[in-house]
Amino acid sequence: MSEKKSFALRLDPKHFQALQKWADDELRSVNGQIEYVLREALRKAGRLPDKNSE
């Protein structure tokens, strides 16, 4: 598995609460939920590299 980058993310408390609820509903951590949402958005936008070219 590739190495992950760390960075600080500032969120509005209401957005964080919504993410926490969503993550809880899907049995994920907030960090895992953010990664999932970003990955899906990148995939849908065609912004992820082709797995065959890795």
C-alpha atoms as a PDB file:
ATOM      1  CA  MET A   1       0.000   0.000   0.000  1.00  0.00           C
ATOM      2  CA  SER A   2       1.262   3.485  -0.779  1.00  0.00           C
ATOM      3  CA  GLU A   3       2.325   5.916   1.903  1.00  0.00           C
ATOM      4  CA  LYS A   4      -0.327   8.410   3.029  1.00  0.00           C
ATOM      5  CA  LYS A   5       0.197  12.154   3.411  1.00  0.00           C
ATOM      6  CA  SER A   6      -0.939  13.968   6.540  1.00  0.00           C
ATOM      7  CA  PHE A   7      -2.270  17.521   6.621  1.00  0.00           C
ATOM      8  CA  ALA A   8      -4.436  19.700   8.822  1.00  0.00           C
ATOM      9  CA  LEU A   9      -8.019  20.245   7.721  1.00  0.00           C
ATOM     10  CA  ARG A  10     -10.173  22.950   9.233  1.00  0.00           C
ATOM     11  CA  LEU A  11     -13.912  22.333   9.070  1.00  0.00           C
ATOM     12  CA  ASP A  12     -16.927  24.272  10.140  1.00  0.00           C
ATOM     13  CA  PRO A  13     -18.287  22.521  13.260  1.00  0.00           C
ATOM     14  CA  LYS A  14     -21.632  21.879  11.534  1.00  0.00           C
ATOM     15  CA  HIS A  15     -19.874  20.190   8.614  1.00  0.00           C
ATOM     16  CA  PHE A  16     -17.804  18.089  11.011  1.00  0.00           C
ATOM     17  CA  GLN A  17     -20.945  16.998  12.895  1.00  0.00           C
ATOM     18  CA  ALA A  18     -22.620  16.027   9.623  1.00  0.00           C
ATOM     19  CA  LEU A  19     -19.530  14.037   8.581  1.00  0.00           C
ATOM     20  CA  GLN A  20     -19.395  12.368  12.003  1.00  0.00           C
ATOM     21  CA  LYS A  21     -23.033  11.267  11.716  1.00  0.00           C
ATOM     22  CA  TRP A  22     -22.519  10.023   8.149  1.00  0.00           C
ATOM     23  CA  ALA A  23     -19.353   8.151   9.154  1.00  0.00           C
ATOM     24  CA  ASP A  24     -21.126   6.589  12.141  1.00  0.00           C
ATOM     25  CA  ASP A  25     -24.007   5.481   9.902  1.00  0.00           C
ATOM     26  CA  GLU A  26     -21.535   3.739   7.560  1.00  0.00           C
ATOM     27  CA  LEU A  27     -19.319   2.348  10.354  1.00  0.00           C
ATOM     28  CA  ARG A  28     -16.303   4.451   9.358  1.00  0.00           C
ATOM     29  CA  SER A  29     -14.099   6.958  11.136  1.00  0.00           C
ATOM     30  CA  VAL A  30     -14.465  10.592  10.113  1.00  0.00           C
ATOM     31  CA  ASN A  31     -11.060  10.347   8.431  1.00  0.00           C
ATOM     32  CA  GLY A  32     -12.138   7.209   6.573  1.00  0.00           C
ATOM     33  CA  GLN A  33     -15.371   8.897   5.490  1.00  0.00           C
ATOM     34  CA  ILE A  34     -13.522  11.946   4.160  1.00  0.00           C
ATOM     35  CA  GLU A  35     -11.161   9.662   2.217  1.00  0.00           C
ATOM     36  CA  TYR A  36     -14.119   7.712   0.819  1.00  0.00           C
ATOM     37  CA  VAL A  37     -16.025  10.846  -0.251  1.00  0.00           C
ATOM     38  CA  LEU A  38     -12.922  12.352  -1.872  1.00  0.00           C
ATOM     39  CA  ARG A  39     -12.033   9.095  -3.657  1.00  0.00           C
ATOM     40  CA  GLU A  40     -15.576   8.772  -5.053  1.00  0.00           C
ATOM     41  CA  ALA A  41     -15.639  12.420  -6.170  1.00  0.00           C
ATOM     42  CA  LEU A  42     -12.245  12.010  -7.865  1.00  0.00           C
ATOM     43  CA  ARG A  43     -13.380   8.792  -9.548  1.00  0.00           C
ATOM     44  CA  LYS A  44     -16.607  10.340 -10.829  1.00  0.00           C
ATOM     45  CA  ALA A  45     -14.699  13.374 -12.130  1.00  0.00           C
ATOM     46  CA  GLY A  46     -12.211  11.146 -13.961  1.00  0.00           C
ATOM     47  CA  ARG A  47      -9.352  12.558 -11.874  1.00  0.00           C
ATOM     48  CA  LEU A  48      -7.880   9.283 -10.592  1.00  0.00           C
ATOM     49  CA  PRO A  49      -5.038   7.642 -12.519  1.00  0.00           C
ATOM     50  CA  ASP A  50      -5.908   4.527 -14.495  1.00  0.00           C
ATOM     51  CA  LYS A  51      -5.149   1.467 -12.313  1.00  0.00           C
ATOM     52  CA  ASN A  52      -3.617  -0.287 -15.338  1.00  0.00           C
ATOM     53  CA  SER A  53      -0.978   2.437 -15.719  1.00  0.00           C
ATOM     54  CA  GLU A  54       0.336   2.123 -12.129  1.00  0.00           C
END
